[in-house]
Amino acid sequence: MRALVFTGPGRAEVREVPEPQAGPGQVIVEVERAGVCGTDVELFTGEMSYLHTGLASYPLRPGHEWSGTVIATGPGVDGSWLRRRVTGDTMIGCGQCGRCRAGRHHVCPSRHELGCRDGLPGALAERLAFPAAYLHALPDAVDATLGALVEPGGNALRAVRAAGVAPGERLLILGTGTIGLLAAMFGRALGAEVHLLGLAAEPLAEAPVWTRDTLPELPWDGVVDATNAAIMPGLAVHLVEPGRTVVYIGLSGAPSLVDTRDIVLKDVTTVGILGASAGLAGAITAYAEKEADPRPLVAATVSLEEILDVLAGRRPADAGPGPKFHADPRR
């Protein structure tokens, strides 16, 4: 089968690779859509920290935002999964450690991360071997595009929930990339008054977008930092109302500084979000019930070969304004 392979920093190709086989507890999924996100770009460029700590290595097969149909099941898997439309959790825990037993498999020290860490080849391929225990079934109302947006949606939903903003309260989201825009959608669905801080106007935001110079001095009941700028974590603490919560879901490209005196003297709660695990089911429900429709965020759906251009920073001529790109590996 065909799969996208990162062969070294800044080097990628579509290769013929062996067909995956369903081992015990696994299924084989025919991939219909697979998204590309900032993590994939960092794995491509060589900047991703996992490549420097030994948790990931080249050659690497990326892809952790996906949807597809189960076409085969391995030993020990319930046969009812066959022919079901699915997506899956990126974080695959060992299932045995204290964190896994406590429901925190997403921070299992021995976890696999699909398409990000060594151990489980990713979904930017025609077919995918995946553990059935981490599958999520997709209802008919969630099409292939929405299915591949469940993983980023789960991250954004976790961030909005963690901000603790009640209906009618004001939520400020720093960043207008995919996660920021998804967080804005979920914030509105929960009844919050949503504002965004970005570098420029964002036509897909459906909420006020401010720059640092134009941001009004309003009480921000919760702040979500979905950026990669080292200055933003400290700014988030400065902006949030005393006694409220700042949520960090973006990773700055360089070490960021937050003055803990500001956190303590404002009695601010800070929360970090790693992975979508606890938000996947909620994202699927929100999409199915039309509480949020992020399909306009997808600028284009292209072939695996065309993803090489996207990774190199070249947008297809017919791409829409959205920040997200999907591949259809069947093309």
Protein backbone atom coordinates (compact mmCIF):
# COMPACT_ATOMS: atom_id res chain seq x y z
CA MET A 1 0.00 0.00 0.00
CA ARG A 2 0.99 3.66 -0.28
CA ALA A 3 1.99 5.69 2.75
CA LEU A 4 3.62 9.04 3.45
CA VAL A 5 7.06 8.61 5.01
CA PHE A 6 9.32 11.22 6.58
CA THR A 7 12.86 10.07 5.78
CA GLY A 8 14.79 12.88 7.46
CA PRO A 9 14.51 16.57 8.36
CA GLY A 10 12.75 18.28 5.48
CA ARG A 11 12.57 15.06 3.45
CA ALA A 12 9.42 13.07 2.70
CA GLU A 13 8.08 10.76 0.03
CA VAL A 14 5.14 8.53 -0.74
CA ARG A 15 6.35 4.94 -0.56
CA GLU A 16 5.01 1.47 -1.20
CA VAL A 17 5.06 -0.20 2.24
CA PRO A 18 3.89 -3.63 3.47
CA GLU A 19 0.17 -4.07 4.09
CA PRO A 20 -0.66 -3.82 7.80
CA GLN A 21 -1.81 -7.00 9.52
CA ALA A 22 -4.36 -7.04 12.34
CA GLY A 23 -2.65 -8.41 15.42
CA PRO A 24 -4.43 -9.41 18.62
CA GLY A 25 -6.81 -6.64 19.70
CA GLN A 26 -6.30 -4.69 16.47
CA VAL A 27 -8.38 -3.75 13.45
CA ILE A 28 -7.43 -2.66 9.94
CA VAL A 29 -8.97 0.64 8.85
CA GLU A 30 -9.26 1.88 5.29
CA VAL A 31 -8.40 5.55 5.76
CA GLU A 32 -10.78 8.02 4.12
CA ARG A 33 -9.35 11.28 5.48
CA ALA A 34 -6.20 12.21 7.38
CA GLY A 35 -5.34 15.70 8.56
CA VAL A 36 -2.02 17.50 8.79
CA CYS A 37 -1.33 19.62 11.87
CA GLY A 38 1.52 21.57 13.42
CA THR A 39 2.93 18.43 15.05
CA ASP A 40 3.25 16.78 11.64
CA VAL A 41 5.03 19.86 10.30
CA GLU A 42 7.48 19.79 13.23
CA LEU A 43 8.12 16.09 12.65
CA PHE A 44 8.78 16.89 8.98
CA THR A 45 11.17 19.77 9.70
CA GLY A 46 12.96 17.93 12.50
CA GLU A 47 11.99 20.47 15.17
CA MET A 48 9.68 18.15 17.12
CA SER A 49 11.09 17.44 20.59
CA TYR A 50 10.39 13.70 20.35
CA LEU A 51 13.04 13.47 17.62
CA HIS A 52 15.62 14.91 20.02
CA THR A 53 14.67 12.83 23.05
CA GLY A 54 14.64 9.52 21.19
CA LEU A 55 10.89 8.95 21.39
CA ALA A 56 10.59 9.31 17.61
CA SER A 57 13.03 8.58 14.80
CA TYR A 58 13.26 8.54 11.02
CA PRO A 59 11.92 6.97 8.90
CA LEU A 60 8.59 7.98 10.40
CA ARG A 61 5.04 7.53 9.13
CA PRO A 62 2.88 10.45 10.36
CA GLY A 63 -0.84 11.07 10.71
CA HIS A 64 -2.97 11.16 13.87
CA GLU A 65 -6.13 13.01 12.75
CA TRP A 66 -8.14 10.52 10.72
CA SER A 67 -11.37 8.75 9.87
CA GLY A 68 -12.11 5.57 7.96
CA THR A 69 -13.89 2.24 7.85
CA VAL A 70 -12.91 -1.00 9.59
CA ILE A 71 -12.22 -3.64 6.92
CA ALA A 72 -10.67 -6.42 9.04
CA THR A 73 -10.45 -7.49 12.67
CA GLY A 74 -7.74 -9.35 14.53
CA PRO A 75 -7.93 -12.02 17.23
CA GLY A 76 -9.95 -10.99 20.27
CA VAL A 77 -11.78 -8.11 18.57
CA ASP A 78 -15.57 -7.91 18.62
CA GLY A 79 -16.76 -8.63 15.09
CA SER A 80 -19.32 -5.82 15.31
CA TRP A 81 -16.52 -3.36 14.49
CA LEU A 82 -16.33 -4.73 10.95
CA ARG A 83 -17.54 -2.20 8.33
CA ARG A 84 -18.11 0.51 10.96
CA ARG A 85 -16.98 4.05 10.33
CA VAL A 86 -14.51 5.12 12.99
CA THR A 87 -11.86 7.44 14.27
CA GLY A 88 -9.47 6.82 17.15
CA ASP A 89 -7.51 8.16 20.08
CA THR A 90 -3.96 9.29 19.36
CA MET A 91 -2.77 8.32 22.85
CA ILE A 92 -2.40 4.55 23.27
CA GLY A 93 -1.51 3.62 26.85
CA CYS A 94 0.02 0.40 28.15
CA GLY A 95 -3.16 -0.37 30.09
CA GLN A 96 -1.25 -1.67 33.10
CA CYS A 97 0.38 1.25 34.88
CA GLY A 98 -1.21 3.34 37.63
CA ARG A 99 -1.96 6.19 35.28
CA CYS A 100 -3.77 3.95 32.80
CA ARG A 101 -5.75 2.27 35.59
CA ALA A 102 -6.73 5.72 36.90
CA GLY A 103 -8.06 6.79 33.47
CA ARG A 104 -5.02 8.88 32.53
CA HIS A 105 -3.73 6.74 29.67
CA HIS A 106 -2.89 9.90 27.72
CA VAL A 107 0.05 10.48 30.08
CA CYS A 108 1.11 6.85 30.37
CA PRO A 109 4.93 6.84 30.49
CA SER A 110 5.02 3.95 28.01
CA ARG A 111 2.32 5.23 25.69
CA HIS A 112 2.39 5.16 21.94
CA GLU A 113 1.22 8.23 20.07
CA LEU A 114 -0.11 7.29 16.66
CA GLY A 115 2.11 8.73 13.95
CA CYS A 116 4.09 10.82 16.45
CA ARG A 117 6.21 8.42 18.50
CA ASP A 118 7.88 5.19 17.45
CA GLY A 119 5.70 2.09 17.65
CA LEU A 120 2.51 2.84 15.72
CA PRO A 121 2.73 3.99 12.08
CA GLY A 122 0.34 6.85 11.34
CA ALA A 123 -2.77 7.38 9.27
CA LEU A 124 -1.36 9.27 6.28
CA ALA A 125 -1.60 5.99 4.43
CA GLU A 126 -4.15 3.91 2.57
CA ARG A 127 -4.68 1.58 5.51
CA LEU A 128 -3.97 1.62 9.23
CA ALA A 129 -3.54 -1.03 11.93
CA PHE A 130 -5.12 0.28 15.12
CA PRO A 131 -6.04 -1.08 18.58
CA ALA A 132 -9.80 -1.63 18.83
CA ALA A 133 -9.88 -0.50 22.47
CA TYR A 134 -9.11 3.04 21.33
CA LEU A 135 -11.65 3.27 18.49
CA HIS A 136 -14.59 5.69 18.49
CA ALA A 137 -17.56 4.90 16.26
CA LEU A 138 -18.82 7.69 14.02
CA PRO A 139 -22.57 8.24 13.53
CA ASP A 140 -23.95 8.81 10.05
CA ALA A 141 -24.21 12.56 10.70
CA VAL A 142 -20.41 12.78 11.05
CA ASP A 143 -18.91 12.51 7.57
CA ALA A 144 -15.31 11.67 6.71
CA THR A 145 -14.16 15.29 6.94
CA LEU A 146 -15.75 15.80 10.35
CA GLY A 147 -14.37 12.45 11.48
CA ALA A 148 -10.83 13.59 10.75
CA LEU A 149 -11.55 16.77 12.73
CA VAL A 150 -12.56 14.88 15.88
CA GLU A 151 -9.00 14.70 17.22
CA PRO A 152 -8.25 18.45 17.02
CA GLY A 153 -11.83 19.08 18.14
CA GLY A 154 -11.32 16.93 21.22
CA ASN A 155 -8.26 18.98 22.14
CA ALA A 156 -10.14 22.25 21.70
CA LEU A 157 -13.16 21.02 23.63
CA ARG A 158 -10.98 19.94 26.55
CA ALA A 159 -9.39 23.39 26.58
CA VAL A 160 -12.73 25.20 26.61
CA ARG A 161 -14.13 22.97 29.35
CA ALA A 162 -11.00 23.51 31.45
CA ALA A 163 -11.41 27.29 31.20
CA GLY A 164 -14.54 26.98 33.32
CA VAL A 165 -16.45 29.79 31.60
CA ALA A 166 -20.20 29.80 32.22
CA PRO A 167 -22.84 30.85 29.66
CA GLY A 168 -22.76 34.62 29.22
CA GLU A 169 -19.20 34.92 30.51
CA ARG A 170 -16.34 36.14 28.36
CA LEU A 171 -13.75 33.76 26.90
CA LEU A 172 -10.59 35.04 25.22
CA ILE A 173 -8.74 32.68 22.90
CA LEU A 174 -5.17 33.52 21.92
CA GLY A 175 -4.48 32.27 18.41
CA THR A 176 -6.54 31.82 15.26
CA GLY A 177 -5.16 28.53 13.97
CA THR A 178 -7.19 25.34 13.83
CA ILE A 179 -7.28 24.76 17.60
CA GLY A 180 -8.09 28.40 18.34
CA LEU A 181 -10.94 28.46 15.83
CA LEU A 182 -12.29 25.13 17.07
CA ALA A 183 -12.14 26.42 20.65
CA ALA A 184 -14.11 29.47 19.55
CA MET A 185 -16.80 27.21 18.07
CA PHE A 186 -17.08 25.13 21.23
CA GLY A 187 -17.04 28.23 23.42
CA ARG A 188 -19.97 29.69 21.50
CA ALA A 189 -21.80 26.36 21.68
CA LEU A 190 -21.46 26.49 25.46
CA GLY A 191 -22.95 29.98 25.51
CA ALA A 192 -19.80 32.01 26.18
CA GLU A 193 -19.06 35.40 24.66
CA VAL A 194 -16.00 34.50 22.59
CA HIS A 195 -13.21 36.82 21.46
CA LEU A 196 -9.96 35.94 19.70
CA LEU A 197 -6.52 37.51 19.66
CA GLY A 198 -4.63 37.05 16.40
CA LEU A 199 -2.21 38.72 14.05
CA ALA A 200 -4.92 39.80 11.64
CA ALA A 201 -8.62 39.47 10.90
CA GLU A 202 -9.77 35.86 10.48
CA PRO A 203 -12.72 35.44 8.09
CA LEU A 204 -13.69 32.06 9.58
CA ALA A 205 -13.72 33.18 13.20
CA GLU A 206 -17.41 34.22 13.51
CA ALA A 207 -16.31 36.16 16.60
CA PRO A 208 -14.42 39.41 17.20
CA VAL A 209 -10.73 39.08 16.34
CA TRP A 210 -8.39 41.59 17.95
CA THR A 211 -4.69 42.30 17.62
CA ARG A 212 -2.55 43.09 20.67
CA ASP A 213 -2.91 46.80 19.88
CA THR A 214 -6.69 46.75 19.48
CA LEU A 215 -7.63 44.30 22.26
CA PRO A 216 -10.17 46.06 24.50
CA GLU A 217 -9.65 46.25 28.24
CA LEU A 218 -12.45 43.90 29.24
CA PRO A 219 -12.66 41.37 32.06
CA TRP A 220 -11.69 38.01 30.56
CA ASP A 221 -13.33 35.26 32.60
CA GLY A 222 -11.18 32.59 30.98
CA VAL A 223 -8.21 32.61 28.61
CA VAL A 224 -7.05 29.79 26.30
CA ASP A 225 -3.56 30.08 24.83
CA ALA A 226 -3.54 28.20 21.51
CA THR A 227 -0.43 29.87 20.09
CA ASN A 228 3.23 28.92 19.68
CA ALA A 229 4.63 32.32 20.72
CA ALA A 230 6.84 32.41 23.81
CA ILE A 231 5.40 35.75 24.95
CA MET A 232 1.78 34.55 25.08
CA PRO A 233 1.73 32.37 28.23
CA GLY A 234 2.73 35.33 30.36
CA LEU A 235 0.27 37.60 28.54
CA ALA A 236 -2.53 35.12 29.24
CA VAL A 237 -1.91 35.35 32.99
CA HIS A 238 -1.79 39.14 32.74
CA LEU A 239 -5.13 39.31 30.90
CA VAL A 240 -7.26 36.80 32.82
CA GLU A 241 -9.53 37.95 35.63
CA PRO A 242 -8.23 37.29 39.16
CA GLY A 243 -9.44 34.00 40.53
CA ARG A 244 -10.12 32.53 37.08
CA THR A 245 -8.35 30.07 34.78
CA VAL A 246 -5.76 30.13 32.01
CA VAL A 247 -5.55 27.06 29.77
CA TYR A 248 -2.40 26.25 27.82
CA ILE A 249 -2.85 24.04 24.76
CA GLY A 250 -0.31 25.66 22.42
CA LEU A 251 3.40 24.88 22.66
CA SER A 252 5.73 27.80 22.18
CA GLY A 253 8.61 27.36 19.79
CA ALA A 254 11.04 28.54 22.45
CA PRO A 255 10.98 28.33 26.27
CA SER A 256 8.32 30.68 27.62
CA LEU A 257 8.41 32.62 30.87
CA VAL A 258 5.50 33.02 33.27
CA ASP A 259 6.01 35.00 36.48
CA THR A 260 4.55 32.81 39.21
CA ARG A 261 4.07 35.93 41.34
CA ASP A 262 1.41 37.02 38.88
CA ILE A 263 -0.28 33.62 39.17
CA VAL A 264 -0.21 33.62 42.95
CA LEU A 265 -1.15 37.26 43.55
CA LYS A 266 -4.08 36.97 41.13
CA ASP A 267 -5.07 33.54 42.49
CA VAL A 268 -5.08 32.21 38.93
CA THR A 269 -5.47 28.54 38.04
CA THR A 270 -3.33 27.33 35.13
CA VAL A 271 -4.14 24.13 33.23
CA GLY A 272 -2.15 22.26 30.58
CA ILE A 273 -3.88 20.19 27.92
CA LEU A 274 -2.10 17.22 26.33
CA GLY A 275 -4.14 15.21 23.89
CA ALA A 276 -7.78 14.90 22.97
CA SER A 277 -8.62 11.65 24.76
CA ALA A 278 -11.22 12.96 27.22
CA GLY A 279 -12.74 15.24 24.57
CA LEU A 280 -13.20 12.84 21.66
CA ALA A 281 -16.69 11.62 22.54
CA GLY A 282 -17.86 15.18 23.19
CA ALA A 283 -16.49 16.40 19.88
CA ILE A 284 -18.27 13.61 18.00
CA THR A 285 -21.55 14.47 19.74
CA ALA A 286 -21.14 18.19 19.06
CA TYR A 287 -20.54 17.54 15.36
CA ALA A 288 -23.40 15.04 15.08
CA GLU A 289 -25.84 17.42 16.79
CA LYS A 290 -24.59 20.37 14.70
CA GLU A 291 -23.47 22.35 17.72
CA ALA A 292 -20.25 22.99 15.78
CA ASP A 293 -19.39 22.53 12.11
CA PRO A 294 -15.66 22.94 11.50
CA ARG A 295 -15.67 21.72 7.88
CA PRO A 296 -14.99 25.27 6.56
CA LEU A 297 -11.65 25.11 8.37
CA VAL A 298 -10.43 22.57 5.80
CA ALA A 299 -8.81 24.56 3.00
CA ALA A 300 -8.45 21.58 0.65
CA THR A 301 -8.50 17.79 0.50
CA VAL A 302 -5.61 16.50 -1.59
CA SER A 303 -3.71 13.31 -2.41
CA LEU A 304 -0.81 11.93 -0.38
CA GLU A 305 1.59 13.24 -3.02
CA GLU A 306 0.10 16.74 -2.80
CA ILE A 307 0.58 16.73 0.98
CA LEU A 308 4.31 17.00 0.26
CA ASP A 309 3.70 20.49 -1.12
CA VAL A 310 1.55 21.41 1.89
CA LEU A 311 4.31 20.35 4.27
CA ALA A 312 6.73 22.54 2.34
CA GLY A 313 4.43 25.51 2.91
CA ARG A 314 2.87 25.67 -0.55
CA ARG A 315 -0.91 26.07 -0.64
CA PRO A 316 -2.81 24.57 -3.59
CA ALA A 317 -4.06 27.22 -5.99
CA ASP A 318 -7.70 26.33 -5.32
CA ALA A 319 -7.36 26.14 -1.52
CA GLY A 320 -9.92 27.90 0.62
CA PRO A 321 -9.11 30.25 3.50
CA GLY A 322 -9.02 27.59 6.22
CA PRO A 323 -5.86 26.61 8.11
CA LYS A 324 -6.35 22.82 7.85
CA PHE A 325 -5.42 20.41 5.05
CA HIS A 326 -6.71 16.88 4.63
CA ALA A 327 -5.45 14.02 2.53
CA ASP A 328 -7.65 11.37 0.92
CA PRO A 329 -5.19 8.45 0.61
CA ARG A 330 -7.46 6.72 -1.91
CA ARG A 331 -6.71 9.38 -4.55
